[in-house]
Amino acid sequence: MTTPEPAATPEEPRTTELPETTPAPATVQPPTPVRPANNIGWAVASLLFFWPLSFSAFTHALNVFPLWSEGDADGARYASRRARYLGILSLWIGGALFVLFAVCYLTFMLLLIHHGHHGHHNWGGPGPHMRRG
């Protein structure tokens, strides 16, 4: 890089060269790994939607920090992913069971409405009684 400078005599150049500096070699440090999330929220979701999976989800979620502090980064990432997976799975299972329950409930109610109180069944409830005669 050059900077203009007035010359003292005509034989001196008008620019002065700045010494080239070589940058220091960059020290490449490995990135510090980030502790994975424990996904405890997904474990709570598994408790609400399909509780049998919540035992495993809570176990994996609560193992993330101990594994991380012991230096087992891969184990901590696995436990975090597993807790999330179990929470999502329980959400889907709970949703499917809810839909199945709603379909069965509606089917039962429609059958009850269709076949109820027409004199075909004597369920002992209020309704018309047949005369003997």
N, C-alpha and C. Protein backbone atom coordinates (compact mmCIF):
# COMPACT_ATOMS: atom_id res chain seq x y z
N MET A 1 0.86 -1.17 0.00
CA MET A 1 0.00 0.00 0.00
C MET A 1 0.90 1.22 0.00
N THR A 2 0.54 2.18 -0.76
CA THR A 2 1.37 3.37 -0.87
C THR A 2 0.62 4.58 -0.39
N THR A 3 1.39 5.52 0.17
CA THR A 3 0.79 6.78 0.61
C THR A 3 1.56 7.91 -0.06
N PRO A 4 0.90 8.88 -0.62
CA PRO A 4 1.62 9.99 -1.26
C PRO A 4 2.31 10.86 -0.21
N GLU A 5 3.53 11.27 -0.53
CA GLU A 5 4.30 12.10 0.39
C GLU A 5 5.09 13.10 -0.47
N PRO A 6 5.12 14.33 -0.07
CA PRO A 6 5.88 15.31 -0.89
C PRO A 6 7.37 14.96 -0.88
N ALA A 7 7.99 15.09 -2.01
CA ALA A 7 9.42 14.76 -2.13
C ALA A 7 10.26 15.97 -1.72
N ALA A 8 11.38 15.69 -1.05
CA ALA A 8 12.28 16.77 -0.63
C ALA A 8 13.15 17.23 -1.82
N THR A 9 13.58 16.28 -2.63
CA THR A 9 14.39 16.60 -3.81
C THR A 9 13.74 15.95 -5.01
N PRO A 10 14.08 16.42 -6.22
CA PRO A 10 13.42 15.85 -7.39
C PRO A 10 13.77 14.38 -7.65
N GLU A 11 14.90 13.86 -7.19
CA GLU A 11 15.22 12.47 -7.47
C GLU A 11 14.55 11.49 -6.51
N GLU A 12 13.96 11.97 -5.42
CA GLU A 12 13.25 11.07 -4.50
C GLU A 12 11.87 10.75 -5.06
N PRO A 13 11.45 9.50 -4.88
CA PRO A 13 10.08 9.19 -5.34
C PRO A 13 9.04 9.88 -4.47
N ARG A 14 7.90 10.12 -5.06
CA ARG A 14 6.84 10.82 -4.35
C ARG A 14 6.04 9.88 -3.43
N THR A 15 6.21 8.62 -3.56
CA THR A 15 5.47 7.69 -2.70
C THR A 15 6.44 6.87 -1.87
N THR A 16 6.03 6.53 -0.72
CA THR A 16 6.85 5.71 0.16
C THR A 16 6.15 4.37 0.33
N GLU A 17 6.89 3.32 0.15
CA GLU A 17 6.33 1.98 0.31
C GLU A 17 6.25 1.64 1.79
N LEU A 18 5.10 1.14 2.22
CA LEU A 18 4.95 0.66 3.58
C LEU A 18 5.39 -0.79 3.62
N PRO A 19 6.02 -1.18 4.70
CA PRO A 19 6.46 -2.58 4.75
C PRO A 19 5.25 -3.52 4.77
N GLU A 20 5.36 -4.54 3.97
CA GLU A 20 4.30 -5.54 3.93
C GLU A 20 4.38 -6.39 5.18
N THR A 21 3.26 -6.52 5.85
CA THR A 21 3.23 -7.37 7.03
C THR A 21 2.42 -8.60 6.69
N THR A 22 2.97 -9.70 7.04
CA THR A 22 2.22 -10.95 6.81
C THR A 22 1.36 -11.21 8.04
N PRO A 23 0.11 -11.54 7.81
CA PRO A 23 -0.76 -11.80 8.96
C PRO A 23 -0.29 -13.06 9.68
N ALA A 24 -0.49 -13.03 10.97
CA ALA A 24 -0.13 -14.20 11.77
C ALA A 24 -1.05 -15.35 11.40
N PRO A 25 -0.50 -16.55 11.36
CA PRO A 25 -1.37 -17.68 11.01
C PRO A 25 -2.48 -17.82 12.04
N ALA A 26 -3.67 -18.00 11.51
CA ALA A 26 -4.84 -18.13 12.39
C ALA A 26 -4.79 -19.48 13.08
N THR A 27 -5.01 -19.44 14.36
CA THR A 27 -5.06 -20.70 15.09
C THR A 27 -6.49 -21.21 15.02
N VAL A 28 -6.65 -22.35 14.45
CA VAL A 28 -7.97 -22.95 14.30
C VAL A 28 -8.25 -23.79 15.53
N GLN A 29 -9.26 -23.35 16.25
CA GLN A 29 -9.66 -24.11 17.42
C GLN A 29 -10.95 -24.84 17.09
N PRO A 30 -11.05 -26.04 17.56
CA PRO A 30 -12.30 -26.76 17.29
C PRO A 30 -13.45 -26.04 17.98
N PRO A 31 -14.60 -26.01 17.30
CA PRO A 31 -15.74 -25.32 17.93
C PRO A 31 -16.15 -26.06 19.20
N THR A 32 -16.48 -25.27 20.20
CA THR A 32 -16.94 -25.88 21.44
C THR A 32 -18.33 -26.43 21.22
N PRO A 33 -18.54 -27.69 21.49
CA PRO A 33 -19.86 -28.27 21.27
C PRO A 33 -20.88 -27.68 22.23
N VAL A 34 -22.07 -27.56 21.73
CA VAL A 34 -23.17 -27.00 22.51
C VAL A 34 -23.95 -28.14 23.15
N ARG A 35 -24.26 -27.96 24.42
CA ARG A 35 -25.03 -29.00 25.12
C ARG A 35 -26.41 -29.10 24.49
N PRO A 36 -26.85 -30.31 24.14
CA PRO A 36 -28.17 -30.45 23.53
C PRO A 36 -29.28 -30.17 24.54
N ALA A 37 -30.42 -29.79 24.01
CA ALA A 37 -31.58 -29.55 24.87
C ALA A 37 -32.03 -30.87 25.49
N ASN A 38 -32.56 -30.79 26.69
CA ASN A 38 -32.97 -32.04 27.34
C ASN A 38 -34.37 -32.47 26.91
N ASN A 39 -35.12 -31.61 26.24
CA ASN A 39 -36.45 -31.95 25.71
C ASN A 39 -37.39 -32.45 26.79
N ILE A 40 -37.34 -31.84 27.96
CA ILE A 40 -38.22 -32.24 29.06
C ILE A 40 -39.68 -31.91 28.72
N GLY A 41 -39.90 -30.91 27.85
CA GLY A 41 -41.26 -30.57 27.44
C GLY A 41 -41.92 -31.71 26.67
N TRP A 42 -41.14 -32.38 25.84
CA TRP A 42 -41.68 -33.53 25.11
C TRP A 42 -41.97 -34.68 26.07
N ALA A 43 -41.18 -34.80 27.13
CA ALA A 43 -41.46 -35.84 28.12
C ALA A 43 -42.78 -35.55 28.84
N VAL A 44 -43.03 -34.28 29.13
CA VAL A 44 -44.31 -33.90 29.75
C VAL A 44 -45.46 -34.17 28.78
N ALA A 45 -45.25 -33.89 27.49
CA ALA A 45 -46.28 -34.19 26.49
C ALA A 45 -46.57 -35.68 26.45
N SER A 46 -45.54 -36.49 26.58
CA SER A 46 -45.77 -37.93 26.57
C SER A 46 -46.55 -38.37 27.81
N LEU A 47 -46.34 -37.67 28.92
CA LEU A 47 -47.11 -37.98 30.13
C LEU A 47 -48.58 -37.65 29.93
N LEU A 48 -48.87 -36.57 29.23
CA LEU A 48 -50.25 -36.15 29.03
C LEU A 48 -50.99 -36.95 27.97
N PHE A 49 -50.30 -37.33 26.91
CA PHE A 49 -50.99 -37.95 25.78
C PHE A 49 -50.93 -39.47 25.77
N PHE A 50 -49.83 -40.07 26.20
CA PHE A 50 -49.73 -41.53 26.24
C PHE A 50 -48.72 -41.87 27.31
N TRP A 51 -49.21 -42.03 28.53
CA TRP A 51 -48.32 -42.11 29.70
C TRP A 51 -47.37 -43.31 29.71
N PRO A 52 -47.65 -44.45 29.08
CA PRO A 52 -46.65 -45.53 29.14
C PRO A 52 -45.29 -45.14 28.54
N LEU A 53 -45.27 -44.26 27.56
CA LEU A 53 -44.00 -43.84 26.98
C LEU A 53 -43.29 -42.78 27.83
N SER A 54 -44.00 -42.19 28.78
CA SER A 54 -43.41 -41.10 29.55
C SER A 54 -42.27 -41.58 30.46
N PHE A 55 -42.30 -42.82 30.91
CA PHE A 55 -41.22 -43.31 31.77
C PHE A 55 -39.89 -43.27 31.03
N SER A 56 -39.89 -43.78 29.82
CA SER A 56 -38.67 -43.78 29.03
C SER A 56 -38.28 -42.36 28.60
N ALA A 57 -39.29 -41.54 28.24
CA ALA A 57 -39.00 -40.17 27.81
C ALA A 57 -38.38 -39.36 28.94
N PHE A 58 -38.92 -39.47 30.16
CA PHE A 58 -38.33 -38.75 31.28
C PHE A 58 -36.93 -39.26 31.61
N THR A 59 -36.72 -40.56 31.52
CA THR A 59 -35.40 -41.12 31.79
C THR A 59 -34.37 -40.56 30.83
N HIS A 60 -34.70 -40.54 29.55
CA HIS A 60 -33.76 -40.00 28.56
C HIS A 60 -33.57 -38.50 28.73
N ALA A 61 -34.65 -37.76 28.99
CA ALA A 61 -34.54 -36.31 29.14
C ALA A 61 -33.68 -35.94 30.35
N LEU A 62 -33.83 -36.68 31.43
CA LEU A 62 -33.07 -36.35 32.63
C LEU A 62 -31.65 -36.91 32.60
N ASN A 63 -31.30 -37.69 31.59
CA ASN A 63 -29.93 -38.19 31.45
C ASN A 63 -29.06 -37.30 30.57
N VAL A 64 -29.62 -36.30 29.94
CA VAL A 64 -28.85 -35.46 29.01
C VAL A 64 -27.73 -34.74 29.74
N PHE A 65 -28.04 -34.02 30.81
CA PHE A 65 -27.00 -33.24 31.50
C PHE A 65 -25.94 -34.13 32.16
N PRO A 66 -26.31 -35.21 32.86
CA PRO A 66 -25.24 -36.05 33.43
C PRO A 66 -24.32 -36.63 32.36
N LEU A 67 -24.87 -37.06 31.25
CA LEU A 67 -24.02 -37.59 30.18
C LEU A 67 -23.11 -36.50 29.62
N TRP A 68 -23.65 -35.31 29.46
CA TRP A 68 -22.87 -34.19 28.93
C TRP A 68 -21.74 -33.81 29.89
N SER A 69 -22.05 -33.77 31.17
CA SER A 69 -21.02 -33.37 32.15
C SER A 69 -19.93 -34.43 32.29
N GLU A 70 -20.24 -35.68 31.97
CA GLU A 70 -19.22 -36.74 32.00
C GLU A 70 -18.37 -36.74 30.74
N GLY A 71 -18.74 -35.92 29.76
CA GLY A 71 -17.97 -35.86 28.53
C GLY A 71 -18.51 -36.73 27.42
N ASP A 72 -19.62 -37.37 27.64
CA ASP A 72 -20.23 -38.24 26.62
C ASP A 72 -21.20 -37.41 25.78
N ALA A 73 -20.65 -36.65 24.85
CA ALA A 73 -21.48 -35.76 24.03
C ALA A 73 -22.41 -36.55 23.12
N ASP A 74 -21.92 -37.65 22.56
CA ASP A 74 -22.77 -38.47 21.68
C ASP A 74 -23.93 -39.09 22.46
N GLY A 75 -23.66 -39.57 23.66
CA GLY A 75 -24.72 -40.12 24.49
C GLY A 75 -25.75 -39.08 24.88
N ALA A 76 -25.29 -37.85 25.15
CA ALA A 76 -26.22 -36.77 25.51
C ALA A 76 -27.09 -36.40 24.31
N ARG A 77 -26.49 -36.34 23.12
CA ARG A 77 -27.28 -36.04 21.93
C ARG A 77 -28.30 -37.14 21.65
N TYR A 78 -27.89 -38.39 21.84
CA TYR A 78 -28.81 -39.51 21.64
C TYR A 78 -29.98 -39.44 22.63
N ALA A 79 -29.67 -39.18 23.90
CA ALA A 79 -30.73 -39.10 24.91
C ALA A 79 -31.69 -37.95 24.60
N SER A 80 -31.15 -36.84 24.11
CA SER A 80 -32.00 -35.70 23.76
C SER A 80 -32.91 -36.03 22.59
N ARG A 81 -32.34 -36.64 21.55
CA ARG A 81 -33.16 -37.02 20.38
C ARG A 81 -34.21 -38.05 20.76
N ARG A 82 -33.84 -38.99 21.62
CA ARG A 82 -34.76 -40.07 22.01
C ARG A 82 -35.93 -39.51 22.82
N ALA A 83 -35.66 -38.57 23.74
CA ALA A 83 -36.74 -37.97 24.53
C ALA A 83 -37.71 -37.22 23.62
N ARG A 84 -37.17 -36.51 22.63
CA ARG A 84 -38.02 -35.78 21.68
C ARG A 84 -38.85 -36.75 20.84
N TYR A 85 -38.21 -37.81 20.36
CA TYR A 85 -38.90 -38.81 19.55
C TYR A 85 -40.05 -39.46 20.33
N LEU A 86 -39.79 -39.83 21.57
CA LEU A 86 -40.83 -40.48 22.37
C LEU A 86 -41.98 -39.52 22.66
N GLY A 87 -41.68 -38.24 22.87
CA GLY A 87 -42.74 -37.26 23.08
C GLY A 87 -43.62 -37.09 21.86
N ILE A 88 -42.98 -37.01 20.69
CA ILE A 88 -43.74 -36.87 19.45
C ILE A 88 -44.55 -38.13 19.17
N LEU A 89 -43.94 -39.29 19.41
CA LEU A 89 -44.65 -40.56 19.21
C LEU A 89 -45.87 -40.65 20.11
N SER A 90 -45.73 -40.26 21.37
CA SER A 90 -46.88 -40.33 22.28
C SER A 90 -47.96 -39.34 21.88
N LEU A 91 -47.56 -38.21 21.31
CA LEU A 91 -48.55 -37.25 20.82
C LEU A 91 -49.37 -37.86 19.68
N TRP A 92 -48.70 -38.53 18.76
CA TRP A 92 -49.41 -39.18 17.65
C TRP A 92 -50.29 -40.33 18.14
N ILE A 93 -49.78 -41.13 19.05
CA ILE A 93 -50.57 -42.25 19.58
C ILE A 93 -51.79 -41.71 20.33
N GLY A 94 -51.58 -40.70 21.17
CA GLY A 94 -52.70 -40.11 21.90
C GLY A 94 -53.74 -39.52 20.98
N GLY A 95 -53.30 -38.85 19.91
CA GLY A 95 -54.23 -38.30 18.93
C GLY A 95 -55.02 -39.39 18.22
N ALA A 96 -54.33 -40.47 17.85
CA ALA A 96 -55.00 -41.58 17.17
C ALA A 96 -56.02 -42.24 18.10
N LEU A 97 -55.65 -42.41 19.37
CA LEU A 97 -56.60 -43.01 20.33
C LEU A 97 -57.81 -42.11 20.55
N PHE A 98 -57.59 -40.80 20.56
CA PHE A 98 -58.70 -39.87 20.71
C PHE A 98 -59.65 -39.96 19.52
N VAL A 99 -59.10 -40.01 18.32
CA VAL A 99 -59.94 -40.13 17.13
C VAL A 99 -60.69 -41.46 17.15
N LEU A 100 -60.02 -42.55 17.52
CA LEU A 100 -60.67 -43.85 17.60
C LEU A 100 -61.81 -43.83 18.63
N PHE A 101 -61.56 -43.22 19.79
CA PHE A 101 -62.60 -43.11 20.82
C PHE A 101 -63.78 -42.30 20.30
N ALA A 102 -63.50 -41.19 19.62
CA ALA A 102 -64.60 -40.35 19.10
C ALA A 102 -65.43 -41.10 18.07
N VAL A 103 -64.78 -41.85 17.19
CA VAL A 103 -65.52 -42.62 16.18
C VAL A 103 -66.37 -43.69 16.85
N CYS A 104 -65.81 -44.41 17.81
CA CYS A 104 -66.58 -45.45 18.52
C CYS A 104 -67.73 -44.84 19.30
N TYR A 105 -67.52 -43.72 19.93
CA TYR A 105 -68.57 -43.05 20.70
C TYR A 105 -69.70 -42.61 19.79
N LEU A 106 -69.35 -41.98 18.67
CA LEU A 106 -70.40 -41.54 17.74
C LEU A 106 -71.15 -42.73 17.16
N THR A 107 -70.44 -43.80 16.85
CA THR A 107 -71.10 -45.01 16.32
C THR A 107 -72.07 -45.58 17.34
N PHE A 108 -71.64 -45.66 18.59
CA PHE A 108 -72.51 -46.18 19.65
C PHE A 108 -73.73 -45.29 19.84
N MET A 109 -73.54 -43.98 19.83
CA MET A 109 -74.67 -43.07 20.01
C MET A 109 -75.65 -43.17 18.84
N LEU A 110 -75.14 -43.29 17.62
CA LEU A 110 -76.03 -43.43 16.48
C LEU A 110 -76.81 -44.74 16.54
N LEU A 111 -76.15 -45.80 16.96
CA LEU A 111 -76.86 -47.07 17.11
C LEU A 111 -77.90 -47.00 18.21
N LEU A 112 -77.59 -46.33 19.29
CA LEU A 112 -78.54 -46.19 20.39
C LEU A 112 -79.74 -45.37 19.97
N ILE A 113 -79.51 -44.31 19.23
CA ILE A 113 -80.62 -43.46 18.77
C ILE A 113 -81.47 -44.22 17.76
N HIS A 114 -80.81 -44.95 16.89
CA HIS A 114 -81.55 -45.66 15.84
C HIS A 114 -82.38 -46.81 16.40
N HIS A 115 -81.87 -47.54 17.35
CA HIS A 115 -82.57 -48.73 17.85
C HIS A 115 -83.27 -48.52 19.19
N GLY A 116 -83.17 -47.40 19.76
CA GLY A 116 -83.75 -47.21 21.10
C GLY A 116 -85.21 -46.81 21.06
N HIS A 117 -86.00 -47.28 22.03
CA HIS A 117 -87.39 -46.89 22.31
C HIS A 117 -88.34 -47.10 21.14
N HIS A 118 -88.19 -48.15 20.38
CA HIS A 118 -89.14 -48.48 19.34
C HIS A 118 -89.98 -49.69 19.72
N GLY A 119 -89.90 -50.14 20.94
CA GLY A 119 -90.67 -51.28 21.37
C GLY A 119 -90.00 -52.60 21.05
N HIS A 120 -88.88 -52.60 20.39
CA HIS A 120 -88.20 -53.84 20.05
C HIS A 120 -87.43 -54.41 21.23
N HIS A 121 -86.95 -53.55 22.08
CA HIS A 121 -86.15 -53.99 23.22
C HIS A 121 -86.81 -53.51 24.50
N ASN A 122 -86.89 -54.37 25.46
CA ASN A 122 -87.45 -53.99 26.74
C ASN A 122 -86.27 -53.78 27.70
N TRP A 123 -85.74 -52.58 27.70
CA TRP A 123 -84.60 -52.27 28.54
C TRP A 123 -85.02 -51.78 29.91
N GLY A 124 -86.29 -51.70 30.17
CA GLY A 124 -86.79 -51.31 31.47
C GLY A 124 -86.88 -49.81 31.66
N GLY A 125 -86.58 -49.07 30.65
CA GLY A 125 -86.62 -47.62 30.77
C GLY A 125 -88.00 -47.10 30.43
N PRO A 126 -88.19 -45.80 30.49
CA PRO A 126 -89.48 -45.22 30.12
C PRO A 126 -89.74 -45.42 28.63
N GLY A 127 -90.98 -45.50 28.30
CA GLY A 127 -91.34 -45.70 26.91
C GLY A 127 -92.66 -46.44 26.83
N PRO A 128 -93.13 -46.68 25.63
CA PRO A 128 -94.43 -47.36 25.49
C PRO A 128 -94.31 -48.82 25.91
N HIS A 129 -95.35 -49.28 26.63
CA HIS A 129 -95.41 -50.67 27.04
C HIS A 129 -96.47 -51.38 26.21
N MET A 130 -96.22 -52.58 25.82
CA MET A 130 -97.16 -53.34 25.01
C MET A 130 -98.21 -53.98 25.93
N ARG A 131 -99.46 -54.00 25.48
CA ARG A 131 -100.54 -54.62 26.26
C ARG A 131 -100.65 -56.07 25.90
N ARG A 132 -101.00 -56.83 26.90
CA ARG A 132 -101.28 -58.25 26.62
C ARG A 132 -102.76 -58.39 26.31
N GLY A 133 -103.01 -59.14 25.41
CA GLY A 133 -104.41 -59.23 25.22
C GLY A 133 -104.94 -60.09 24.25
